[in-house]
Amino acid sequence: MTTTTTPSSSTTTNTNTNSKDTVVTEGAPAHGVVAHLLPPTYKRMVASWLEEDAPSFDYGGFVVGEEVGEARLLGKSEGIIAGIPFFNEVFRQLDCTVTWHLQEGQPIHPPATHCATVRGPMRKLLLGERVALNTLARCSGIASQTARTLALLRAAGYTGTLAGTRKTTPGFRVVEKYGMLVGGADAHRLDLSHMTMLKDNHVWAVSGEGQGGAIAAAVRKARSAGGFATKVEVECRSYEEAVEAAEAGADVVMLDNFSAEGARACAARLKERFARGTGRGLLVEVSGGLTEGNIGEFVCADVDVVSTSSIHQGVRHVDFSLKVVPKA
């Protein structure tokens, strides 16, 4: 498969649909092109990265000049590739072209997979090199860890949703959430305006008003502001808190930092009381302390969502290098 981007556009055109190495995914990649989710602002974000890396003179660029050359993007560690739109945009802004030999989400095989070829003025190839590589490495690492964790859950028989969290890097959130999506997970809420999540600090800061306690008061306030279009989720530390949240009208209850056995038992009780046969459709999310090593212990048919920062925080990057093709 060969895909080419031009300096004037980040649109890609497939010239070969060979899917020999295509990864079977789920979530957003199973229904469309994840890149189509990106807001126009990501291009300004890329411009700011380039400005940060070369705020004044580019002495190395002076050395190599503007002779047109070619460089090969090599994937050197196990994983799946993600972040192609960001890589493309770096070089589009530098008047270079990128020809891809892999599709997003496809695997990289060590010791070296030739993923793409970049062509353009030599100083611009090198100007974009580190920005493009760092972004691709981070995004691919998140997608790879996400895909591994999702595979573990499916092997354990879990059919619910794997989601990330909001523990993302300021200024880099779009890239990290993008990696989760390519890996087949749910990105969870993107920002404070995307669903209302009432955590323990929100509840502690609200005194009970009217019927019920602080949780009920917090849910009522959230619902009055967000209206019918904004879901309300409440972080709960016990079955009793979850019941108060559900009775107050929360759409989602998060069982936070429960033991595996406690989470499964609490989820079953909540579903029995608020979901089965009621038409209510209460969602139960489990979060807190979940890792690749233990996440399978927390899941059961009564748990709708498992969310964990372990798929995007502190994950191993996929190793890439961009090697200039020497002159003949």
C-alpha atoms as a PDB file:
ATOM      1  CA  MET A   1       0.000   0.000   0.000  1.00  0.00           C
ATOM      2  CA  THR A   2       1.359   3.391  -0.958  1.00  0.00           C
ATOM      3  CA  THR A   3      -0.165   6.667   0.193  1.00  0.00           C
ATOM      4  CA  THR A   4       1.154  10.094  -0.761  1.00  0.00           C
ATOM      5  CA  THR A   5       0.629  13.519   0.759  1.00  0.00           C
ATOM      6  CA  THR A   6       1.536  16.746  -1.000  1.00  0.00           C
ATOM      7  CA  PRO A   7       2.685  20.065   0.463  1.00  0.00           C
ATOM      8  CA  SER A   8      -0.548  21.777  -0.593  1.00  0.00           C
ATOM      9  CA  SER A   9      -2.863  19.274   1.071  1.00  0.00           C
ATOM     10  CA  SER A  10      -2.886  16.697   3.820  1.00  0.00           C
ATOM     11  CA  THR A  11      -5.344  14.555   1.857  1.00  0.00           C
ATOM     12  CA  THR A  12      -4.161  10.998   1.239  1.00  0.00           C
ATOM     13  CA  THR A  13      -4.696   8.887  -1.858  1.00  0.00           C
ATOM     14  CA  ASN A  14      -4.375   5.112  -1.763  1.00  0.00           C
ATOM     15  CA  THR A  15      -2.647   3.677  -4.791  1.00  0.00           C
ATOM     16  CA  ASN A  16      -2.589   0.104  -3.534  1.00  0.00           C
ATOM     17  CA  THR A  17      -5.208  -1.502  -1.283  1.00  0.00           C
ATOM     18  CA  ASN A  18      -3.123  -4.509  -0.321  1.00  0.00           C
ATOM     19  CA  SER A  19      -4.273  -5.258   3.261  1.00  0.00           C
ATOM     20  CA  LYS A  20      -1.905  -8.125   3.983  1.00  0.00           C
ATOM     21  CA  ASP A  21      -0.855  -6.625   7.330  1.00  0.00           C
ATOM     22  CA  THR A  22      -4.049  -4.816   8.272  1.00  0.00           C
ATOM     23  CA  VAL A  23      -4.936  -5.039  11.961  1.00  0.00           C
ATOM     24  CA  VAL A  24      -8.543  -5.924  12.694  1.00  0.00           C
ATOM     25  CA  THR A  25      -9.644  -3.184  15.076  1.00  0.00           C
ATOM     26  CA  GLU A  26     -12.816  -2.008  16.746  1.00  0.00           C
ATOM     27  CA  GLY A  27     -14.179   1.278  17.952  1.00  0.00           C
ATOM     28  CA  ALA A  28     -13.716   4.290  15.675  1.00  0.00           C
ATOM     29  CA  PRO A  29     -11.269   2.592  13.215  1.00  0.00           C
ATOM     30  CA  ALA A  30     -13.866  -0.080  12.459  1.00  0.00           C
ATOM     31  CA  HIS A  31     -16.354   2.525  11.283  1.00  0.00           C
ATOM     32  CA  GLY A  32     -14.359   5.234   9.542  1.00  0.00           C
ATOM     33  CA  VAL A  33     -11.108   7.140   9.198  1.00  0.00           C
ATOM     34  CA  VAL A  34      -9.949   8.377  12.610  1.00  0.00           C
ATOM     35  CA  ALA A  35      -8.150  11.325  10.987  1.00  0.00           C
ATOM     36  CA  HIS A  36     -11.541  12.705   9.959  1.00  0.00           C
ATOM     37  CA  LEU A  37     -12.225  13.479  13.632  1.00  0.00           C
ATOM     38  CA  LEU A  38      -9.423  16.021  13.900  1.00  0.00           C
ATOM     39  CA  PRO A  39     -10.344  19.694  14.347  1.00  0.00           C
ATOM     40  CA  PRO A  40      -8.744  22.329  12.084  1.00  0.00           C
ATOM     41  CA  THR A  41      -6.857  23.636  15.126  1.00  0.00           C
ATOM     42  CA  TYR A  42      -4.427  20.719  15.046  1.00  0.00           C
ATOM     43  CA  LYS A  43      -2.594  22.448  12.179  1.00  0.00           C
ATOM     44  CA  ARG A  44      -1.943  25.480  14.371  1.00  0.00           C
ATOM     45  CA  MET A  45      -0.720  23.124  17.061  1.00  0.00           C
ATOM     46  CA  VAL A  46       1.795  21.615  14.631  1.00  0.00           C
ATOM     47  CA  ALA A  47       2.951  25.112  13.617  1.00  0.00           C
ATOM     48  CA  SER A  48       3.595  25.911  17.292  1.00  0.00           C
ATOM     49  CA  TRP A  49       5.749  22.790  17.654  1.00  0.00           C
ATOM     50  CA  LEU A  50       7.895  23.832  14.713  1.00  0.00           C
ATOM     51  CA  GLU A  51       8.201  27.355  16.103  1.00  0.00           C
ATOM     52  CA  GLU A  52       9.246  25.980  19.491  1.00  0.00           C
ATOM     53  CA  ASP A  53      11.976  23.845  17.909  1.00  0.00           C
ATOM     54  CA  ALA A  54      13.402  26.614  15.709  1.00  0.00           C
ATOM     55  CA  PRO A  55      12.654  29.965  17.389  1.00  0.00           C
ATOM     56  CA  SER A  56      15.611  31.704  15.717  1.00  0.00           C
ATOM     57  CA  PHE A  57      18.471  30.563  13.452  1.00  0.00           C
ATOM     58  CA  ASP A  58      18.658  26.977  12.172  1.00  0.00           C
ATOM     59  CA  TYR A  59      22.414  26.433  12.031  1.00  0.00           C
ATOM     60  CA  GLY A  60      22.193  22.776  11.010  1.00  0.00           C
ATOM     61  CA  GLY A  61      19.873  23.723   8.155  1.00  0.00           C
ATOM     62  CA  PHE A  62      22.446  26.257   6.966  1.00  0.00           C
ATOM     63  CA  VAL A  63      24.971  23.440   6.676  1.00  0.00           C
ATOM     64  CA  VAL A  64      22.853  21.196   4.421  1.00  0.00           C
ATOM     65  CA  GLY A  65      21.087  23.809   2.277  1.00  0.00           C
ATOM     66  CA  GLU A  66      18.047  23.349   0.058  1.00  0.00           C
ATOM     67  CA  GLU A  67      19.086  20.575  -2.289  1.00  0.00           C
ATOM     68  CA  VAL A  68      16.163  18.179  -2.694  1.00  0.00           C
ATOM     69  CA  GLY A  69      16.680  14.848  -0.982  1.00  0.00           C
ATOM     70  CA  GLU A  70      14.898  11.806   0.386  1.00  0.00           C
ATOM     71  CA  ALA A  71      14.640  10.218   3.822  1.00  0.00           C
ATOM     72  CA  ARG A  72      13.150   6.924   4.944  1.00  0.00           C
ATOM     73  CA  LEU A  73      11.006   6.574   8.045  1.00  0.00           C
ATOM     74  CA  LEU A  74      11.951   3.329   9.799  1.00  0.00           C
ATOM     75  CA  GLY A  75       9.933   1.695  12.575  1.00  0.00           C
ATOM     76  CA  LYS A  76      12.376  -0.145  14.841  1.00  0.00           C
ATOM     77  CA  SER A  77      10.324  -1.572  17.715  1.00  0.00           C
ATOM     78  CA  GLU A  78       7.180  -3.650  18.068  1.00  0.00           C
ATOM     79  CA  GLY A  79       3.874  -1.809  17.924  1.00  0.00           C
ATOM     80  CA  ILE A  80       1.264  -0.298  15.646  1.00  0.00           C
ATOM     81  CA  ILE A  81       1.626   2.976  13.800  1.00  0.00           C
ATOM     82  CA  ALA A  82      -0.526   5.953  14.814  1.00  0.00           C
ATOM     83  CA  GLY A  83      -0.288   9.705  14.377  1.00  0.00           C
ATOM     84  CA  ILE A  84       0.055   9.844  10.606  1.00  0.00           C
ATOM     85  CA  PRO A  85      -1.940  13.116  10.220  1.00  0.00           C
ATOM     86  CA  PHE A  86       0.421  14.946  12.604  1.00  0.00           C
ATOM     87  CA  PHE A  87       3.510  13.584  10.851  1.00  0.00           C
ATOM     88  CA  ASN A  88       2.042  14.601   7.490  1.00  0.00           C
ATOM     89  CA  GLU A  89       1.212  18.106   8.667  1.00  0.00           C
ATOM     90  CA  VAL A  90       4.730  18.727   9.985  1.00  0.00           C
ATOM     91  CA  PHE A  91       6.184  18.095   6.547  1.00  0.00           C
ATOM     92  CA  ARG A  92       3.330  19.734   4.641  1.00  0.00           C
ATOM     93  CA  GLN A  93       4.119  22.980   6.428  1.00  0.00           C
ATOM     94  CA  LEU A  94       7.752  22.545   5.377  1.00  0.00           C
ATOM     95  CA  ASP A  95       6.961  21.970   1.669  1.00  0.00           C
ATOM     96  CA  CYS A  96       7.883  18.272   1.742  1.00  0.00           C
ATOM     97  CA  THR A  97       5.928  15.232   0.541  1.00  0.00           C
ATOM     98  CA  VAL A  98       5.311  12.005   2.440  1.00  0.00           C
ATOM     99  CA  THR A  99       4.658   8.656   0.767  1.00  0.00           C
ATOM    100  CA  TRP A 100       3.304   6.049   3.182  1.00  0.00           C
ATOM    101  CA  HIS A 101       3.921   2.320   2.856  1.00  0.00           C
ATOM    102  CA  LEU A 102       1.731   1.406   5.860  1.00  0.00           C
ATOM    103  CA  GLN A 103      -1.796   2.349   6.863  1.00  0.00           C
ATOM    104  CA  GLU A 104      -2.557   3.745  10.281  1.00  0.00           C
ATOM    105  CA  GLY A 105      -3.072   0.936  12.782  1.00  0.00           C
ATOM    106  CA  GLN A 106      -0.882  -1.553  10.930  1.00  0.00           C
ATOM    107  CA  PRO A 107       1.930  -3.351  12.792  1.00  0.00           C
ATOM    108  CA  ILE A 108       5.612  -2.483  12.792  1.00  0.00           C
ATOM    109  CA  HIS A 109       8.047  -5.388  12.696  1.00  0.00           C
ATOM    110  CA  PRO A 110      11.566  -5.056  14.170  1.00  0.00           C
ATOM    111  CA  PRO A 111      14.389  -4.694  13.405  1.00  0.00           C
ATOM    112  CA  ALA A 112      13.195  -2.133  10.828  1.00  0.00           C
ATOM    113  CA  THR A 113       9.978  -1.566   8.897  1.00  0.00           C
ATOM    114  CA  HIS A 114      10.115   1.003   6.080  1.00  0.00           C
ATOM    115  CA  CYS A 115       6.978   2.951   7.012  1.00  0.00           C
ATOM    116  CA  ALA A 116       7.211   6.030   4.774  1.00  0.00           C
ATOM    117  CA  THR A 117       9.435   8.062   2.468  1.00  0.00           C
ATOM    118  CA  VAL A 118       9.786  11.833   2.875  1.00  0.00           C
ATOM    119  CA  ARG A 119      11.053  14.049   0.032  1.00  0.00           C
ATOM    120  CA  GLY A 120      11.901  17.732  -0.030  1.00  0.00           C
ATOM    121  CA  PRO A 121      14.595  20.366   0.522  1.00  0.00           C
ATOM    122  CA  MET A 122      17.226  18.824   2.783  1.00  0.00           C
ATOM    123  CA  ARG A 123      17.188  21.546   5.440  1.00  0.00           C
ATOM    124  CA  LYS A 124      13.400  21.242   5.700  1.00  0.00           C
ATOM    125  CA  LEU A 125      13.551  17.457   6.010  1.00  0.00           C
ATOM    126  CA  LEU A 126      15.875  17.890   8.975  1.00  0.00           C
ATOM    127  CA  LEU A 127      13.909  20.814  10.392  1.00  0.00           C
ATOM    128  CA  GLY A 128      10.817  18.631  10.717  1.00  0.00           C
ATOM    129  CA  GLU A 129      12.603  15.411  11.668  1.00  0.00           C
ATOM    130  CA  ARG A 130      12.552  15.514  15.470  1.00  0.00           C
ATOM    131  CA  VAL A 131       9.126  17.131  15.811  1.00  0.00           C
ATOM    132  CA  ALA A 132       7.567  14.540  13.510  1.00  0.00           C
ATOM    133  CA  LEU A 133       9.372  11.579  15.083  1.00  0.00           C
ATOM    134  CA  ASN A 134       8.581  12.544  18.680  1.00  0.00           C
ATOM    135  CA  THR A 135       4.890  12.950  17.896  1.00  0.00           C
ATOM    136  CA  LEU A 136       4.667   9.688  15.948  1.00  0.00           C
ATOM    137  CA  ALA A 137       6.571   7.746  18.623  1.00  0.00           C
ATOM    138  CA  ARG A 138       4.308   8.955  21.432  1.00  0.00           C
ATOM    139  CA  CYS A 139       1.050   8.480  19.530  1.00  0.00           C
ATOM    140  CA  SER A 140       2.083   5.017  18.308  1.00  0.00           C
ATOM    141  CA  GLY A 141       3.112   3.982  21.820  1.00  0.00           C
ATOM    142  CA  ILE A 142      -0.327   4.885  23.151  1.00  0.00           C
ATOM    143  CA  ALA A 143      -2.112   3.101  20.304  1.00  0.00           C
ATOM    144  CA  SER A 144       0.049   0.006  20.810  1.00  0.00           C
ATOM    145  CA  GLN A 145      -0.552  -0.196  24.578  1.00  0.00           C
ATOM    146  CA  THR A 146      -4.254   0.429  24.028  1.00  0.00           C
ATOM    147  CA  ALA A 147      -4.491  -2.381  21.479  1.00  0.00           C
ATOM    148  CA  ARG A 148      -2.618  -4.797  23.790  1.00  0.00           C
ATOM    149  CA  THR A 149      -4.916  -4.026  26.729  1.00  0.00           C
ATOM    150  CA  LEU A 150      -8.017  -4.338  24.590  1.00  0.00           C
ATOM    151  CA  ALA A 151      -6.825  -7.722  23.302  1.00  0.00           C
ATOM    152  CA  LEU A 152      -6.396  -8.922  26.908  1.00  0.00           C
ATOM    153  CA  LEU A 153      -9.944  -7.874  27.755  1.00  0.00           C
ATOM    154  CA  ARG A 154     -11.399  -9.583  24.705  1.00  0.00           C
ATOM    155  CA  ALA A 155      -9.428 -12.738  25.502  1.00  0.00           C
ATOM    156  CA  ALA A 156     -10.989 -12.652  28.976  1.00  0.00           C
ATOM    157  CA  GLY A 157     -14.444 -12.587  27.371  1.00  0.00           C
ATOM    158  CA  TYR A 158     -15.215  -8.943  28.152  1.00  0.00           C
ATOM    159  CA  THR A 159     -17.402  -7.261  25.529  1.00  0.00           C
ATOM    160  CA  GLY A 160     -17.722  -3.822  27.132  1.00  0.00           C
ATOM    161  CA  THR A 161     -15.794  -0.604  26.548  1.00  0.00           C
ATOM    162  CA  LEU A 162     -12.155   0.151  27.301  1.00  0.00           C
ATOM    163  CA  ALA A 163     -11.587   3.875  27.827  1.00  0.00           C
ATOM    164  CA  GLY A 164      -8.733   6.206  28.622  1.00  0.00           C
ATOM    165  CA  THR A 165      -8.841   9.080  31.103  1.00  0.00           C
ATOM    166  CA  ARG A 166      -8.227  12.833  31.233  1.00  0.00           C
ATOM    167  CA  LYS A 167      -4.719  12.313  32.640  1.00  0.00           C
ATOM    168  CA  THR A 168      -3.190  13.641  29.441  1.00  0.00           C
ATOM    169  CA  THR A 169      -0.351  16.059  28.696  1.00  0.00           C
ATOM    170  CA  PRO A 170      -1.431  19.734  28.495  1.00  0.00           C
ATOM    171  CA  GLY A 171      -1.102  20.934  24.908  1.00  0.00           C
ATOM    172  CA  PHE A 172      -0.750  17.376  23.617  1.00  0.00           C
ATOM    173  CA  ARG A 173      -4.176  15.983  24.500  1.00  0.00           C
ATOM    174  CA  VAL A 174      -5.439  15.680  20.922  1.00  0.00           C
ATOM    175  CA  VAL A 175      -2.467  13.506  19.950  1.00  0.00           C
ATOM    176  CA  GLU A 176      -2.832  11.251  22.982  1.00  0.00           C
ATOM    177  CA  LYS A 177      -6.595  10.855  22.617  1.00  0.00           C
ATOM    178  CA  TYR A 178      -6.049  10.159  18.915  1.00  0.00           C
ATOM    179  CA  GLY A 179      -3.690   7.295  19.816  1.00  0.00           C
ATOM    180  CA  MET A 180      -6.314   5.755  22.104  1.00  0.00           C
ATOM    181  CA  LEU A 181      -8.854   5.833  19.283  1.00  0.00           C
ATOM    182  CA  VAL A 182      -6.480   4.225  16.772  1.00  0.00           C
ATOM    183  CA  GLY A 183      -5.820   1.482  19.334  1.00  0.00           C
ATOM    184  CA  GLY A 184      -9.551   0.699  19.450  1.00  0.00           C
ATOM    185  CA  ALA A 185     -10.476   2.290  22.792  1.00  0.00           C
ATOM    186  CA  ASP A 186     -12.901   5.022  23.771  1.00  0.00           C
ATOM    187  CA  ALA A 187     -11.101   8.317  24.400  1.00  0.00           C
ATOM    188  CA  HIS A 188     -13.458   9.116  27.325  1.00  0.00           C
ATOM    189  CA  ARG A 189     -14.371  12.802  27.758  1.00  0.00           C
ATOM    190  CA  LEU A 190     -12.091  15.180  25.918  1.00  0.00           C
ATOM    191  CA  ASP A 191     -12.413  18.203  28.197  1.00  0.00           C
ATOM    192  CA  LEU A 192     -14.492  19.722  30.997  1.00  0.00           C
ATOM    193  CA  SER A 193     -17.285  20.590  28.553  1.00  0.00           C
ATOM    194  CA  HIS A 194     -17.598  16.997  27.343  1.00  0.00           C
ATOM    195  CA  MET A 195     -19.917  15.323  29.861  1.00  0.00           C
ATOM    196  CA  THR A 196     -20.098  16.412  33.524  1.00  0.00           C
ATOM    197  CA  MET A 197     -18.005  14.268  35.828  1.00  0.00           C
ATOM    198  CA  LEU A 198     -18.556  14.896  39.532  1.00  0.00           C
ATOM    199  CA  LYS A 199     -15.517  13.668  41.430  1.00  0.00           C
ATOM    200  CA  ASP A 200     -15.009  13.453  45.184  1.00  0.00           C
ATOM    201  CA  ASN A 201     -13.765  17.058  45.345  1.00  0.00           C
ATOM    202  CA  HIS A 202     -16.938  18.318  43.682  1.00  0.00           C
ATOM    203  CA  VAL A 203     -19.078  16.434  46.173  1.00  0.00           C
ATOM    204  CA  TRP A 204     -17.030  17.540  49.184  1.00  0.00           C
ATOM    205  CA  ALA A 205     -17.388  21.151  48.047  1.00  0.00           C
ATOM    206  CA  VAL A 206     -21.197  20.933  47.921  1.00  0.00           C
ATOM    207  CA  SER A 207     -23.423  20.741  50.978  1.00  0.00           C
ATOM    208  CA  GLY A 208     -26.647  18.753  50.779  1.00  0.00           C
ATOM    209  CA  GLU A 209     -29.534  20.917  49.685  1.00  0.00           C
ATOM    210  CA  GLY A 210     -33.108  19.686  49.776  1.00  0.00           C
ATOM    211  CA  GLN A 211     -33.761  15.968  49.432  1.00  0.00           C
ATOM    212  CA  GLY A 212     -30.724  13.705  49.719  1.00  0.00           C
ATOM    213  CA  GLY A 213     -27.116  14.473  50.506  1.00  0.00           C
ATOM    214  CA  ALA A 214     -24.212  16.215  48.799  1.00  0.00           C
ATOM    215  CA  ILE A 215     -24.096  13.805  45.846  1.00  0.00           C
ATOM    216  CA  ALA A 216     -27.768  14.364  45.046  1.00  0.00           C
ATOM    217  CA  ALA A 217     -27.313  18.133  45.355  1.00  0.00           C
ATOM    218  CA  ALA A 218     -24.297  18.057  43.025  1.00  0.00           C
ATOM    219  CA  VAL A 219     -26.189  15.999  40.425  1.00  0.00           C
ATOM    220  CA  ARG A 220     -29.152  18.393  40.524  1.00  0.00           C
ATOM    221  CA  LYS A 221     -26.889  21.414  40.026  1.00  0.00           C
ATOM    222  CA  ALA A 222     -25.031  19.736  37.168  1.00  0.00           C
ATOM    223  CA  ARG A 223     -28.267  18.737  35.458  1.00  0.00           C
ATOM    224  CA  SER A 224     -29.694  22.260  35.783  1.00  0.00           C
ATOM    225  CA  ALA A 225     -26.691  23.698  33.921  1.00  0.00           C
ATOM    226  CA  GLY A 226     -25.939  20.979  31.377  1.00  0.00           C
ATOM    227  CA  GLY A 227     -29.544  20.144  30.558  1.00  0.00           C
ATOM    228  CA  PHE A 228     -30.719  17.045  28.735  1.00  0.00           C
ATOM    229  CA  ALA A 229     -27.824  17.077  26.232  1.00  0.00           C
ATOM    230  CA  THR A 230     -25.029  16.630  28.782  1.00  0.00           C
ATOM    231  CA  LYS A 231     -24.577  13.319  30.586  1.00  0.00           C
ATOM    232  CA  VAL A 232     -23.712  13.345  34.287  1.00  0.00           C
ATOM    233  CA  GLU A 233     -21.240  10.866  35.785  1.00  0.00           C
ATOM    234  CA  VAL A 234     -20.460  10.555  39.489  1.00  0.00           C
ATOM    235  CA  GLU A 235     -17.312   9.093  41.017  1.00  0.00           C
ATOM    236  CA  CYS A 236     -18.350   6.791  43.883  1.00  0.00           C
ATOM    237  CA  ARG A 237     -16.354   5.100  46.637  1.00  0.00           C
ATOM    238  CA  SER A 238     -19.083   2.776  47.904  1.00  0.00           C
ATOM    239  CA  TYR A 239     -22.327   1.061  46.928  1.00  0.00           C
ATOM    240  CA  GLU A 240     -24.241   3.582  49.032  1.00  0.00           C
ATOM    241  CA  GLU A 241     -22.733   6.534  47.171  1.00  0.00           C
ATOM    242  CA  ALA A 242     -23.515   4.867  43.846  1.00  0.00           C
ATOM    243  CA  VAL A 243     -27.145   4.371  44.904  1.00  0.00           C
ATOM    244  CA  GLU A 244     -27.437   8.037  45.901  1.00  0.00           C
ATOM    245  CA  ALA A 245     -25.981   9.099  42.537  1.00  0.00           C
ATOM    246  CA  ALA A 246     -28.281   6.789  40.562  1.00  0.00           C
ATOM    247  CA  GLU A 247     -31.375   7.850  42.499  1.00  0.00           C
ATOM    248  CA  ALA A 248     -30.470  11.503  41.863  1.00  0.00           C
ATOM    249  CA  GLY A 249     -30.468  10.817  38.104  1.00  0.00           C
ATOM    250  CA  ALA A 250     -26.817  10.255  37.239  1.00  0.00           C
ATOM    251  CA  ASP A 251     -26.346   8.620  33.832  1.00  0.00           C
ATOM    252  CA  VAL A 252     -23.075   6.907  34.774  1.00  0.00           C
ATOM    253  CA  VAL A 253     -21.674   5.819  38.132  1.00  0.00           C
ATOM    254  CA  MET A 254     -17.933   5.258  38.391  1.00  0.00           C
ATOM    255  CA  LEU A 255     -16.768   2.718  40.942  1.00  0.00           C
ATOM    256  CA  ASP A 256     -13.428   4.242  41.865  1.00  0.00           C
ATOM    257  CA  ASN A 257     -10.566   2.315  43.499  1.00  0.00           C
ATOM    258  CA  PHE A 258     -12.669  -0.717  44.396  1.00  0.00           C
ATOM    259  CA  SER A 259     -11.133  -4.160  44.749  1.00  0.00           C
ATOM    260  CA  ALA A 260     -11.790  -6.433  41.785  1.00  0.00           C
ATOM    261  CA  GLU A 261     -14.256  -8.555  43.754  1.00  0.00           C
ATOM    262  CA  GLY A 262     -15.899  -5.465  45.253  1.00  0.00           C
ATOM    263  CA  ALA A 263     -16.318  -3.806  41.854  1.00  0.00           C
ATOM    264  CA  ARG A 264     -17.963  -6.860  40.296  1.00  0.00           C
ATOM    265  CA  ALA A 265     -20.308  -7.341  43.264  1.00  0.00           C
ATOM    266  CA  CYS A 266     -21.277  -3.659  43.396  1.00  0.00           C
ATOM    267  CA  ALA A 267     -21.883  -3.534  39.642  1.00  0.00           C
ATOM    268  CA  ALA A 268     -24.200  -6.544  39.861  1.00  0.00           C
ATOM    269  CA  ARG A 269     -26.222  -4.978  42.692  1.00  0.00           C
ATOM    270  CA  LEU A 270     -26.538  -1.667  40.826  1.00  0.00           C
ATOM    271  CA  LYS A 271     -27.658  -3.323  37.612  1.00  0.00           C
ATOM    272  CA  GLU A 272     -30.217  -5.400  39.502  1.00  0.00           C
ATOM    273  CA  ARG A 273     -31.646  -2.314  41.207  1.00  0.00           C
ATOM    274  CA  PHE A 274     -31.461   0.322  38.496  1.00  0.00           C
ATOM    275  CA  ALA A 275     -31.076  -1.269  35.077  1.00  0.00           C
ATOM    276  CA  ARG A 276     -32.527  -4.716  34.554  1.00  0.00           C
ATOM    277  CA  GLY A 277     -36.169  -4.511  33.590  1.00  0.00           C
ATOM    278  CA  THR A 278     -36.435  -0.829  34.530  1.00  0.00           C
ATOM    279  CA  GLY A 279     -35.664   0.692  31.137  1.00  0.00           C
ATOM    280  CA  ARG A 280     -33.301   3.030  32.961  1.00  0.00           C
ATOM    281  CA  GLY A 281     -30.044   2.007  31.309  1.00  0.00           C
ATOM    282  CA  LEU A 282     -27.681   3.092  34.101  1.00  0.00           C
ATOM    283  CA  LEU A 283     -24.051   2.704  32.998  1.00  0.00           C
ATOM    284  CA  VAL A 284     -21.456   1.338  35.409  1.00  0.00           C
ATOM    285  CA  GLU A 285     -17.805   2.314  34.956  1.00  0.00           C
ATOM    286  CA  VAL A 286     -14.887   0.849  36.902  1.00  0.00           C
ATOM    287  CA  SER A 287     -11.679   2.841  37.308  1.00  0.00           C
ATOM    288  CA  GLY A 288      -8.713   3.341  39.611  1.00  0.00           C
ATOM    289  CA  GLY A 289      -5.559   1.226  39.780  1.00  0.00           C
ATOM    290  CA  LEU A 290      -6.282  -0.771  36.616  1.00  0.00           C
ATOM    291  CA  THR A 291      -3.248  -2.012  34.700  1.00  0.00           C
ATOM    292  CA  GLU A 292      -2.444  -4.463  31.943  1.00  0.00           C
ATOM    293  CA  GLY A 293      -1.641  -6.988  34.667  1.00  0.00           C
ATOM    294  CA  ASN A 294      -4.915  -6.840  36.625  1.00  0.00           C
ATOM    295  CA  ILE A 295      -7.626  -5.313  34.436  1.00  0.00           C
ATOM    296  CA  GLY A 296      -9.081  -8.688  33.485  1.00  0.00           C
ATOM    297  CA  GLU A 297      -9.977  -9.335  37.137  1.00  0.00           C
ATOM    298  CA  PHE A 298     -12.336  -6.325  37.278  1.00  0.00           C
ATOM    299  CA  VAL A 299     -14.584  -7.094  34.335  1.00  0.00           C
ATOM    300  CA  CYS A 300     -17.903  -8.892  34.124  1.00  0.00           C
ATOM    301  CA  ALA A 301     -21.151  -8.521  32.206  1.00  0.00           C
ATOM    302  CA  ASP A 302     -22.404  -5.894  34.686  1.00  0.00           C
ATOM    303  CA  VAL A 303     -19.476  -3.534  34.058  1.00  0.00           C
ATOM    304  CA  ASP A 304     -20.106  -1.379  30.992  1.00  0.00           C
ATOM    305  CA  VAL A 305     -16.839   0.572  30.914  1.00  0.00           C
ATOM    306  CA  VAL A 306     -13.333   0.105  32.310  1.00  0.00           C
ATOM    307  CA  SER A 307     -11.215   3.236  32.217  1.00  0.00           C
ATOM    308  CA  THR A 308      -7.507   3.413  32.870  1.00  0.00           C
ATOM    309  CA  SER A 309      -4.640   5.845  32.381  1.00  0.00           C
ATOM    310  CA  SER A 310      -2.284   2.886  31.929  1.00  0.00           C
ATOM    311  CA  ILE A 311      -3.028   2.883  28.186  1.00  0.00           C
ATOM    312  CA  HIS A 312      -1.647   6.402  27.730  1.00  0.00           C
ATOM    313  CA  GLN A 313       0.323   7.568  30.774  1.00  0.00           C
ATOM    314  CA  GLY A 314       3.922   6.417  31.062  1.00  0.00           C
ATOM    315  CA  VAL A 315       3.672   4.009  28.127  1.00  0.00           C
ATOM    316  CA  ARG A 316       6.693   2.886  26.137  1.00  0.00           C
ATOM    317  CA  HIS A 317       7.136   4.811  22.890  1.00  0.00           C
ATOM    318  CA  VAL A 318       7.513   3.064  19.551  1.00  0.00           C
ATOM    319  CA  ASP A 319      11.022   3.693  18.235  1.00  0.00           C
ATOM    320  CA  PHE A 320      11.311   5.432  14.858  1.00  0.00           C
ATOM    321  CA  SER A 321      14.159   6.995  12.938  1.00  0.00           C
ATOM    322  CA  LEU A 322      14.275   9.133   9.780  1.00  0.00           C
ATOM    323  CA  LYS A 323      17.337   8.297   7.687  1.00  0.00           C
ATOM    324  CA  VAL A 324      18.485  10.434   4.781  1.00  0.00           C
ATOM    325  CA  VAL A 325      19.269   8.435   1.649  1.00  0.00           C
ATOM    326  CA  PRO A 326      22.953   9.164   0.887  1.00  0.00           C
ATOM    327  CA  LYS A 327      23.884  10.710  -2.429  1.00  0.00           C
ATOM    328  CA  ALA A 328      24.912   8.174  -5.059  1.00  0.00           C
END
